[in-house]
């Protein structure tokens, strides 16, 4: 059963006239309005509500109030879920033993989020209407990362923690105000990124600058610069990110109707186009789909920066870096030479969350467990699971190639350039091949596309996994044999010279 957007969307319709004027759905108009409102209100956190002029409690109340108001404006009665999930998790944090509390919180959050995902798939299948699942996904990241950080800070020795875990460890349970302010602060409520509790609470107290003393625990003892760094103005950075965000929105709105992902289901596409056209179309339509995420994440980053949040010190040229909470590096993603760099540059907050609560804590099969958690967190559309299953497979294949094949091309600059060009093209094809099902969502049409592409990327990936270690071993034996021959030759020459002198 499918419902119309007007029936499913529960947000305010005050600006329906504006939606009709610009020709966009009311949910998208409301989203843009809330983000611009957040951008304007964020300025007060750097001026009237800076740490010198006001108390942390006032900043908590301000961020919490604005966040709740914007959430209710966008989602109406559905906003009750924004409060219910973190409330249940906070009760668990307060009542459960810290040694296993983090697992209880993770289970509660994922079960609650999964129920909302199921509800959406039943009543609004395949729609991109703005609904409560987006903010709930971010809130799930926040409550679970907080639970694991509390577990690390209260029950584990500093020496047993990884650098990331030590950085995020918390040795003091948040108060109710601190907790809900962290969950609902308006800068990152609507579109993320996930902001870890330590970074947030240090920002509220004015301890967020590089070199400043953290309030939450182990991180103070790490070898950081002790000099307090003055924060530069983020105005120019904010303007650039807002402008880039709007450009991405215009590109998405203009071109995605011309190159829709649904076209890959047509018989004309499947049967009357060659494999090169299919791959080129997949690369184009998945790239255009990314501009929607670029728009949302760049704007959210600008909101955080405009509040003074996100300053990350200076680079080697002395230029201020405002990328502490950036969720995407557009240039690096689009120019990546390998799959790892692409993944690291995309949805960076979620990558950190997955690494923090799963990858660094799993024993064997880290990659599989991490991709499985990511798939579950996203929902239950079959296309998601095809994407993440392929992602895990090609991650293993790419690691094998990088470990065993890449060294063969590092012997000369010409070989290295050839390898980089080859991996750049391969990465572009792979990203389209892996992610188109994430956008299409459907199982059978995605499988059809795979079959019409003869599963060639999967076959090449399988070959890479099976043959790369053997090629690497042969190369290693060949080099050892060459070294041995040189050694024997040197010994023979040395013995010959010694014989002559006798």
Protein backbone atom coordinates (compact mmCIF):
# COMPACT_ATOMS: atom_id res chain seq x y z
CA UNK A 1 0.00 0.00 0.00
CA UNK A 2 1.36 3.42 -0.95
CA UNK A 3 0.19 6.76 0.36
CA UNK A 4 0.51 10.13 -1.29
CA UNK A 5 3.03 12.58 0.07
CA UNK A 6 0.22 14.82 1.30
CA UNK A 7 -1.21 11.92 3.32
CA UNK A 8 2.06 10.63 4.75
CA UNK A 9 3.89 13.87 5.50
CA UNK A 10 2.94 15.23 8.91
CA UNK A 11 4.91 18.48 9.01
CA UNK A 12 3.57 22.04 8.96
CA UNK A 13 1.97 23.32 5.74
CA UNK A 14 2.27 27.01 6.52
CA UNK A 15 4.46 27.54 3.46
CA UNK A 16 2.42 25.51 0.97
CA UNK A 17 2.09 28.68 -1.10
CA UNK A 18 5.87 28.87 -1.38
CA UNK A 19 6.05 25.20 -2.36
CA UNK A 20 3.53 25.84 -5.15
CA UNK A 21 5.45 28.92 -6.24
CA UNK A 22 8.82 27.16 -6.59
CA UNK A 23 7.36 23.85 -7.73
CA UNK A 24 8.83 21.72 -4.95
CA UNK A 25 7.11 19.37 -2.47
CA UNK A 26 6.21 20.90 0.88
CA UNK A 27 8.52 18.54 2.76
CA UNK A 28 11.55 19.76 0.81
CA UNK A 29 10.56 23.40 1.25
CA UNK A 30 10.19 22.90 5.00
CA UNK A 31 13.59 21.21 5.16
CA UNK A 32 15.30 24.10 3.35
CA UNK A 33 13.52 26.67 5.55
CA UNK A 34 14.58 24.92 8.77
CA UNK A 35 18.18 24.76 7.58
CA UNK A 36 18.29 28.45 6.71
CA UNK A 37 16.68 29.24 10.07
CA UNK A 38 19.31 27.13 11.83
CA UNK A 39 22.06 28.88 9.86
CA UNK A 40 20.86 32.29 11.06
CA UNK A 41 20.27 31.25 14.67
CA UNK A 42 23.69 29.56 14.83
CA UNK A 43 25.31 32.98 14.73
CA UNK A 44 24.09 33.71 18.26
CA UNK A 45 26.20 30.87 19.64
CA UNK A 46 29.30 32.80 18.54
CA UNK A 47 28.07 36.20 19.70
CA UNK A 48 25.51 36.59 22.48
CA UNK A 49 25.88 32.99 23.69
CA UNK A 50 29.64 32.58 23.53
CA UNK A 51 31.30 30.86 26.56
CA UNK A 52 32.45 34.20 28.04
CA UNK A 53 29.04 35.90 27.81
CA UNK A 54 26.80 33.09 29.09
CA UNK A 55 26.69 29.82 30.99
CA UNK A 56 26.82 26.31 29.49
CA UNK A 57 23.27 25.69 30.78
CA UNK A 58 21.95 28.63 28.73
CA UNK A 59 23.61 27.24 25.60
CA UNK A 60 22.17 23.80 26.31
CA UNK A 61 18.66 25.21 26.67
CA UNK A 62 19.04 27.34 23.54
CA UNK A 63 20.22 24.46 21.33
CA UNK A 64 17.63 22.09 22.78
CA UNK A 65 14.70 24.49 22.36
CA UNK A 66 15.55 25.44 18.79
CA UNK A 67 16.11 21.80 17.86
CA UNK A 68 12.74 20.70 19.25
CA UNK A 69 10.95 23.57 17.52
CA UNK A 70 12.51 22.84 14.12
CA UNK A 71 11.86 19.13 14.52
CA UNK A 72 8.20 19.71 15.31
CA UNK A 73 7.87 22.14 12.40
CA UNK A 74 9.24 19.57 9.96
CA UNK A 75 7.64 16.39 11.30
CA UNK A 76 4.60 17.33 13.36
CA UNK A 77 3.32 14.48 15.52
CA UNK A 78 6.05 12.17 14.24
CA UNK A 79 8.49 14.23 16.31
CA UNK A 80 7.42 12.16 19.34
CA UNK A 81 9.83 9.52 18.08
CA UNK A 82 12.69 12.00 18.32
CA UNK A 83 12.10 12.10 22.07
CA UNK A 84 11.04 8.48 22.69
CA UNK A 85 14.13 6.71 21.32
CA UNK A 86 16.72 8.76 23.27
CA UNK A 87 14.54 8.69 26.41
CA UNK A 88 14.48 4.89 26.43
CA UNK A 89 18.22 4.78 25.83
CA UNK A 90 18.92 7.28 28.62
CA UNK A 91 16.96 5.13 31.08
CA UNK A 92 19.12 2.18 30.03
CA UNK A 93 22.31 4.20 30.50
CA UNK A 94 21.23 5.18 34.00
CA UNK A 95 19.99 1.77 35.14
CA UNK A 96 22.22 -0.82 33.46
CA UNK A 97 25.68 -1.93 34.52
CA UNK A 98 28.24 0.11 32.55
CA UNK A 99 30.01 -3.12 31.61
CA UNK A 100 27.17 -4.22 29.31
CA UNK A 101 25.03 -1.08 29.14
CA UNK A 102 26.36 -0.17 25.68
CA UNK A 103 24.98 -3.38 24.16
CA UNK A 104 21.56 -2.77 25.69
CA UNK A 105 21.48 0.78 24.31
CA UNK A 106 22.57 -0.44 20.88
CA UNK A 107 19.80 -3.06 20.86
CA UNK A 108 17.11 -0.59 21.98
CA UNK A 109 18.13 2.04 19.45
CA UNK A 110 18.36 -0.36 16.49
CA UNK A 111 15.07 -2.10 17.32
CA UNK A 112 13.25 1.23 17.63
CA UNK A 113 14.81 2.57 14.43
CA UNK A 114 14.02 -0.68 12.60
CA UNK A 115 10.34 -0.42 13.56
CA UNK A 116 10.19 3.08 12.06
CA UNK A 117 11.99 1.86 8.92
CA UNK A 118 9.44 -0.96 8.57
CA UNK A 119 6.56 1.47 9.03
CA UNK A 120 7.87 3.69 6.28
CA UNK A 121 8.36 0.81 3.87
CA UNK A 122 4.79 -0.34 4.43
CA UNK A 123 3.08 3.04 4.07
CA UNK A 124 5.45 5.02 1.86
CA UNK A 125 7.46 2.43 -0.09
CA UNK A 126 10.20 3.75 -2.32
CA UNK A 127 9.44 7.40 -1.60
CA UNK A 128 12.02 10.07 -0.88
CA UNK A 129 9.59 12.14 1.16
CA UNK A 130 11.25 13.78 4.15
CA UNK A 131 10.25 11.84 7.24
CA UNK A 132 11.39 11.09 10.76
CA UNK A 133 13.78 8.25 9.82
CA UNK A 134 16.56 10.66 8.79
CA UNK A 135 16.91 12.44 12.16
CA UNK A 136 16.30 9.15 13.99
CA UNK A 137 19.26 7.59 12.18
CA UNK A 138 21.48 10.43 13.41
CA UNK A 139 20.05 10.17 16.94
CA UNK A 140 20.76 6.42 16.91
CA UNK A 141 24.38 7.19 16.12
CA UNK A 142 24.54 9.71 18.94
CA UNK A 143 23.03 7.56 21.70
CA UNK A 144 25.02 4.45 20.78
CA UNK A 145 28.34 6.26 20.42
CA UNK A 146 27.69 7.96 23.78
CA UNK A 147 26.91 4.62 25.43
CA UNK A 148 30.13 3.05 24.14
CA UNK A 149 32.12 6.13 25.20
CA UNK A 150 30.70 5.92 28.74
CA UNK A 151 31.49 2.20 28.81
CA UNK A 152 35.08 2.90 27.75
CA UNK A 153 35.54 5.73 30.25
CA UNK A 154 34.07 3.94 33.27
CA UNK A 155 35.04 0.29 32.82
CA UNK A 156 38.19 0.05 30.67
CA UNK A 157 41.81 0.98 31.28
CA UNK A 158 43.27 3.73 29.17
CA UNK A 159 45.99 1.41 27.88
CA UNK A 160 43.38 -0.97 26.44
CA UNK A 161 41.70 1.69 24.31
CA UNK A 162 42.46 2.53 20.71
CA UNK A 163 43.37 6.17 19.97
CA UNK A 164 39.82 6.87 18.79
CA UNK A 165 38.26 5.23 21.84
CA UNK A 166 40.60 7.14 24.14
CA UNK A 167 39.70 10.36 22.32
CA UNK A 168 35.96 9.79 22.84
CA UNK A 169 35.99 8.15 26.29
CA UNK A 170 33.73 9.75 28.90
CA UNK A 171 34.27 9.33 32.63
CA UNK A 172 31.21 11.25 33.79
CA UNK A 173 27.56 10.40 33.11
CA UNK A 174 25.81 13.34 31.36
CA UNK A 175 23.08 15.17 33.21
CA UNK A 176 19.57 15.09 31.75
CA UNK A 177 19.98 18.59 30.28
CA UNK A 178 23.39 17.79 28.80
CA UNK A 179 22.11 14.55 27.32
CA UNK A 180 18.98 15.88 25.61
CA UNK A 181 20.75 19.04 24.50
CA UNK A 182 23.37 16.84 22.84
CA UNK A 183 20.67 14.77 21.16
CA UNK A 184 18.55 17.69 19.91
CA UNK A 185 21.01 20.53 19.29
CA UNK A 186 19.75 22.14 16.11
CA UNK A 187 23.03 22.43 14.18
CA UNK A 188 23.03 18.75 13.19
CA UNK A 189 19.53 17.50 13.96
CA UNK A 190 18.05 17.48 10.46
CA UNK A 191 20.86 16.11 8.27
CA UNK A 192 23.69 15.20 10.60
CA UNK A 193 26.53 14.77 10.76
CA UNK A 194 26.87 12.68 13.89
CA UNK A 195 28.79 14.73 16.45
CA UNK A 196 30.43 12.81 19.26
CA UNK A 197 29.57 13.81 22.81
CA UNK A 198 33.09 14.78 23.80
CA UNK A 199 33.36 17.23 20.90
CA UNK A 200 29.92 18.66 21.64
CA UNK A 201 30.38 19.19 25.38
CA UNK A 202 33.81 20.77 24.86
CA UNK A 203 32.23 23.14 22.34
CA UNK A 204 29.51 24.15 24.79
CA UNK A 205 32.08 24.94 27.48
CA UNK A 206 34.47 26.66 25.10
CA UNK A 207 37.09 23.91 25.40
CA UNK A 208 36.86 22.81 21.77
CA UNK A 209 39.88 24.62 20.34
CA UNK A 210 43.06 22.60 19.62
CA UNK A 211 45.28 22.56 22.69
CA UNK A 212 42.45 23.29 25.12
CA UNK A 213 41.76 20.93 28.00
CA UNK A 214 38.93 18.48 27.40
CA UNK A 215 36.23 17.94 30.01
CA UNK A 216 35.51 14.28 29.45
CA UNK A 217 38.48 12.14 30.33
CA UNK A 218 41.45 10.35 28.87
CA UNK A 219 42.00 12.63 25.91
CA UNK A 220 43.67 15.26 28.13
CA UNK A 221 46.64 12.96 28.64
CA UNK A 222 47.44 12.48 24.96
CA UNK A 223 50.36 14.29 23.41
CA UNK A 224 48.66 17.39 22.07
CA UNK A 225 49.88 20.95 21.80
CA UNK A 226 49.35 22.80 25.06
CA UNK A 227 49.08 26.21 23.47
CA UNK A 228 45.55 27.59 23.22
CA UNK A 229 44.75 28.58 19.64
CA UNK A 230 42.53 31.57 18.86
CA UNK A 231 39.57 30.67 16.69
CA UNK A 232 39.37 32.55 13.36
CA UNK A 233 36.14 33.84 11.86
CA UNK A 234 34.19 31.18 9.93
CA UNK A 235 32.26 33.69 7.80
CA UNK A 236 34.12 33.12 4.54
CA UNK A 237 34.03 29.34 4.97
CA UNK A 238 30.31 29.42 5.72
CA UNK A 239 29.57 31.51 2.62
CA UNK A 240 31.58 29.14 0.44
CA UNK A 241 29.87 26.03 1.83
CA UNK A 242 26.38 27.53 1.51
CA UNK A 243 27.11 28.58 -2.07
CA UNK A 244 28.48 25.13 -2.93
CA UNK A 245 25.45 23.53 -1.28
CA UNK A 246 23.03 25.61 -3.34
CA UNK A 247 24.92 24.83 -6.55
CA UNK A 248 24.66 21.11 -5.75
CA UNK A 249 20.92 21.49 -5.16
CA UNK A 250 20.46 23.25 -8.51
CA UNK A 251 22.45 20.56 -10.34
CA UNK A 252 20.41 17.80 -8.70
CA UNK A 253 17.03 19.41 -9.38
CA UNK A 254 17.95 20.27 -12.98
CA UNK A 255 19.58 17.07 -14.20
CA UNK A 256 18.17 14.18 -12.18
CA UNK A 257 14.84 14.28 -14.12
CA UNK A 258 16.85 14.03 -17.36
CA UNK A 259 18.86 11.01 -16.16
CA UNK A 260 16.55 9.16 -13.74
CA UNK A 261 17.72 5.98 -12.04
CA UNK A 262 14.41 4.31 -12.94
CA UNK A 263 15.52 4.17 -16.58
CA UNK A 264 17.82 1.25 -15.78
CA UNK A 265 14.70 -0.92 -15.30
CA UNK A 266 13.47 -0.32 -18.86
CA UNK A 267 13.83 -3.04 -21.47
CA UNK A 268 15.22 -0.40 -23.82
CA UNK A 269 18.13 0.21 -21.45
CA UNK A 270 18.74 -3.44 -20.66
CA UNK A 271 18.40 -4.94 -24.13
CA UNK A 272 19.22 -2.20 -26.64
CA UNK A 273 22.32 -0.61 -25.12
CA UNK A 274 25.83 -2.02 -24.94
CA UNK A 275 27.79 -2.61 -21.76
CA UNK A 276 29.80 0.59 -22.12
CA UNK A 277 26.66 2.72 -22.35
CA UNK A 278 25.17 0.93 -19.35
CA UNK A 279 28.24 1.61 -17.24
CA UNK A 280 28.43 5.23 -18.40
CA UNK A 281 24.76 5.81 -17.55
CA UNK A 282 25.18 4.23 -14.12
CA UNK A 283 28.19 6.45 -13.46
CA UNK A 284 26.25 9.56 -14.51
CA UNK A 285 23.01 8.90 -12.63
CA UNK A 286 24.73 7.82 -9.41
CA UNK A 287 26.94 10.93 -9.57
CA UNK A 288 23.88 13.16 -9.93
CA UNK A 289 22.20 11.37 -7.00
CA UNK A 290 25.21 12.23 -4.85
CA UNK A 291 24.56 15.95 -5.33
CA UNK A 292 21.50 15.66 -3.09
CA UNK A 293 23.72 14.44 -0.28
CA UNK A 294 26.37 17.04 -1.06
CA UNK A 295 23.71 19.75 -0.72
CA UNK A 296 22.43 18.52 2.65
CA UNK A 297 25.83 17.78 4.19
CA UNK A 298 27.59 20.93 3.03
CA UNK A 299 24.74 23.07 4.36
CA UNK A 300 24.74 21.22 7.69
CA UNK A 301 28.50 21.72 7.89
CA UNK A 302 28.00 25.46 7.27
CA UNK A 303 25.46 25.63 10.12
CA UNK A 304 27.92 24.00 12.52
CA UNK A 305 30.72 26.31 11.40
CA UNK A 306 28.53 29.40 11.75
CA UNK A 307 27.96 28.50 15.39
CA UNK A 308 31.72 28.27 15.89
CA UNK A 309 31.73 24.47 15.81
CA UNK A 310 34.07 22.60 13.47
CA UNK A 311 37.37 24.51 13.73
CA UNK A 312 40.16 21.96 13.45
CA UNK A 313 43.38 23.99 13.70
CA UNK A 314 45.58 25.11 10.84
CA UNK A 315 47.12 23.21 7.96
CA UNK A 316 50.80 23.30 7.00
CA UNK A 317 50.23 26.51 5.00
CA UNK A 318 48.70 28.28 7.96
CA UNK A 319 45.17 28.13 6.56
CA UNK A 320 42.32 27.58 9.01
CA UNK A 321 40.65 24.17 8.76
CA UNK A 322 36.91 23.99 9.41
CA UNK A 323 36.47 20.27 8.78
CA UNK A 324 36.15 18.73 12.24
CA UNK A 325 32.50 17.77 11.65
CA UNK A 326 32.48 17.75 7.84
CA UNK A 327 30.52 14.78 6.54
CA UNK A 328 31.93 14.72 3.03
CA UNK A 329 35.02 15.78 1.10
CA UNK A 330 33.51 16.30 -2.34
CA UNK A 331 36.75 16.88 -4.24
CA UNK A 332 38.57 13.96 -2.64
CA UNK A 333 35.64 11.61 -3.22
CA UNK A 334 35.26 12.51 -6.88
CA UNK A 335 39.01 12.21 -7.53
CA UNK A 336 39.77 9.14 -5.42
CA UNK A 337 42.25 6.68 -6.84
CA UNK A 338 40.96 3.72 -4.85
CA UNK A 339 37.89 2.39 -3.08
CA UNK A 340 39.24 3.08 0.41
CA UNK A 341 39.72 6.80 -0.23
CA UNK A 342 36.23 7.01 -1.72
CA UNK A 343 34.65 5.37 1.32
CA UNK A 344 36.72 7.48 3.74
CA UNK A 345 35.59 10.70 2.01
CA UNK A 346 31.88 9.85 1.99
CA UNK A 347 29.56 10.17 5.02
CA UNK A 348 32.61 10.55 7.23
CA UNK A 349 30.63 10.87 10.46
CA UNK A 350 28.96 7.51 9.86
CA UNK A 351 32.33 5.96 9.00
CA UNK A 352 33.71 7.15 12.34
CA UNK A 353 30.63 5.84 14.13
CA UNK A 354 30.92 2.41 12.49
CA UNK A 355 34.63 2.26 13.26
CA UNK A 356 34.07 3.36 16.85
CA UNK A 357 31.31 0.93 17.85
CA UNK A 358 31.88 -2.03 15.53
CA UNK A 359 35.09 -2.23 13.48
CA UNK A 360 37.49 -1.60 16.38
CA UNK A 361 35.56 -3.92 18.71
CA UNK A 362 34.81 -6.90 16.45
CA UNK A 363 37.16 -9.84 16.50
CA UNK A 364 37.20 -11.70 13.21
CA UNK A 365 35.29 -10.64 10.09
CA UNK A 366 35.46 -6.96 10.99
CA UNK A 367 34.52 -5.86 7.47
CA UNK A 368 31.45 -8.10 7.27
CA UNK A 369 30.11 -7.07 10.68
CA UNK A 370 30.69 -3.39 9.95
CA UNK A 371 28.89 -3.48 6.60
CA UNK A 372 26.06 -5.53 8.17
CA UNK A 373 25.53 -2.90 10.87
CA UNK A 374 25.57 -0.15 8.25
CA UNK A 375 22.94 -1.98 6.18
CA UNK A 376 20.69 -2.54 9.22
CA UNK A 377 21.03 1.11 10.24
CA UNK A 378 19.95 2.26 6.77
CA UNK A 379 16.76 0.17 6.69
CA UNK A 380 15.39 -2.86 4.92
CA UNK A 381 15.18 -2.05 1.24
CA UNK A 382 16.79 -4.93 -0.72
CA UNK A 383 18.91 -2.47 -2.68
CA UNK A 384 20.68 -1.43 0.51
CA UNK A 385 21.79 -4.98 1.21
CA UNK A 386 22.99 -5.51 -2.34
CA UNK A 387 25.07 -2.35 -2.02
CA UNK A 388 26.63 -3.22 1.32
CA UNK A 389 27.21 -6.87 0.40
CA UNK A 390 29.01 -5.71 -2.74
CA UNK A 391 30.83 -3.08 -0.70
CA UNK A 392 32.21 -5.71 1.68
CA UNK A 393 33.20 -7.96 -1.23
CA UNK A 394 34.98 -5.25 -3.19
CA UNK A 395 36.67 -3.91 -0.05
CA UNK A 396 38.32 -7.31 0.42
CA UNK A 397 39.22 -7.43 -3.30
CA UNK A 398 40.67 -3.90 -3.25
CA UNK A 399 42.78 -4.69 -0.19
CA UNK A 400 44.15 -7.76 -1.93
CA UNK A 401 45.07 -5.76 -5.03
CA UNK A 402 46.67 -2.98 -3.00
CA UNK A 403 48.70 -5.42 -0.95
CA UNK A 404 49.93 -7.76 -3.67
CA UNK A 405 49.60 -5.99 -7.04
CA UNK A 406 50.30 -2.34 -6.29
CA UNK A 407 53.98 -2.90 -5.27
CA UNK A 408 54.66 -4.14 -8.81
CA UNK A 409 53.85 -0.66 -10.15
CA UNK A 410 55.95 1.33 -7.69
CA UNK A 411 59.24 0.50 -9.33
CA UNK A 412 59.08 3.50 -11.69
CA UNK A 413 57.17 6.76 -12.03
CA UNK A 414 55.70 5.72 -15.37
CA UNK A 415 54.29 2.50 -13.94
CA UNK A 416 52.92 4.39 -10.93
CA UNK A 417 51.09 6.90 -13.18
CA UNK A 418 49.64 4.07 -15.26
CA UNK A 419 48.47 2.31 -12.09
CA UNK A 420 46.86 5.50 -10.72
CA UNK A 421 44.97 6.16 -13.97
CA UNK A 422 43.79 2.56 -14.06
CA UNK A 423 42.61 2.57 -10.44
CA UNK A 424 40.88 5.95 -10.90
CA UNK A 425 38.79 4.59 -13.78
CA UNK A 426 38.18 1.33 -11.95
CA UNK A 427 37.07 3.16 -8.80
CA UNK A 428 34.57 5.28 -10.76
CA UNK A 429 33.07 2.19 -12.38
CA UNK A 430 32.97 0.27 -9.11
CA UNK A 431 31.28 3.08 -7.16
CA UNK A 432 28.52 3.26 -9.78
CA UNK A 433 28.21 -0.53 -9.92
CA UNK A 434 28.06 -0.85 -6.13
CA UNK A 435 25.75 2.08 -5.34
CA UNK A 436 23.11 2.13 -8.09
CA UNK A 437 21.07 -0.50 -6.19
CA UNK A 438 21.17 1.78 -3.11
CA UNK A 439 19.34 4.42 -5.14
CA UNK A 440 17.09 2.03 -7.08
CA UNK A 441 16.14 0.19 -3.85
CA UNK A 442 14.60 -2.82 -5.65
CA UNK A 443 16.02 -6.34 -5.74
CA UNK A 444 14.94 -7.92 -9.05
CA UNK A 445 15.71 -4.87 -11.25
CA UNK A 446 19.15 -4.56 -9.60
CA UNK A 447 19.89 -8.24 -10.25
CA UNK A 448 18.83 -7.78 -13.88
CA UNK A 449 21.33 -4.96 -14.28
CA UNK A 450 24.04 -7.15 -12.75
CA UNK A 451 23.23 -9.94 -15.21
CA UNK A 452 23.14 -7.66 -18.25
CA UNK A 453 26.59 -6.48 -17.18
CA UNK A 454 27.58 -10.17 -17.03
CA UNK A 455 28.63 -9.71 -13.39
CA UNK A 456 32.01 -8.66 -14.77
CA UNK A 457 33.03 -6.45 -11.81
CA UNK A 458 32.16 -9.27 -9.40
CA UNK A 459 34.13 -11.74 -11.52
CA UNK A 460 37.15 -9.43 -11.64
CA UNK A 461 36.84 -8.92 -7.88
CA UNK A 462 36.81 -12.69 -7.32
CA UNK A 463 39.88 -13.08 -9.53
CA UNK A 464 41.62 -10.33 -7.54
CA UNK A 465 40.88 -12.08 -4.25
CA UNK A 466 42.02 -15.50 -5.48
CA UNK A 467 44.97 -14.68 -7.74
CA UNK A 468 46.52 -11.55 -6.23
CA UNK A 469 48.13 -13.39 -3.29
CA UNK A 470 49.60 -15.96 -5.69
CA UNK A 471 51.01 -13.27 -7.96
CA UNK A 472 52.44 -11.51 -4.93
CA UNK A 473 54.00 -14.76 -3.72
CA UNK A 474 55.52 -15.47 -7.13
CA UNK A 475 56.95 -11.94 -7.24
CA UNK A 476 58.39 -12.37 -3.75
CA UNK A 477 60.00 -15.69 -4.68
CA UNK A 478 61.34 -14.17 -7.87
CA UNK A 479 62.95 -11.29 -5.96
CA UNK A 480 64.38 -13.68 -3.37
CA UNK A 481 65.78 -15.84 -6.17
CA UNK A 482 67.30 -12.79 -7.85
CA UNK A 483 68.89 -11.70 -4.57
CA UNK A 484 70.21 -15.20 -4.03
CA UNK A 485 71.72 -15.30 -7.54
CA UNK A 486 73.40 -11.96 -6.99
CA UNK A 487 74.79 -13.18 -3.68
CA UNK A 488 76.14 -16.37 -5.25
CA UNK A 489 77.68 -14.39 -8.10
CA UNK A 490 79.34 -12.02 -5.66
CA UNK A 491 80.69 -14.94 -3.67
CA UNK A 492 82.00 -16.59 -6.85
CA UNK A 493 83.78 -13.42 -7.93
CA UNK A 494 85.19 -12.97 -4.46
CA UNK A 495 86.45 -16.58 -4.39
CA UNK A 496 87.97 -16.14 -7.86
CA UNK A 497 89.83 -13.05 -6.79
CA UNK A 498 91.05 -14.80 -3.70
CA UNK A 499 92.29 -17.72 -5.80
CA UNK A 500 94.26 -15.38 -8.06
CA UNK A 501 96.05 -13.80 -5.13
CA UNK A 502 97.22 -17.11 -3.78
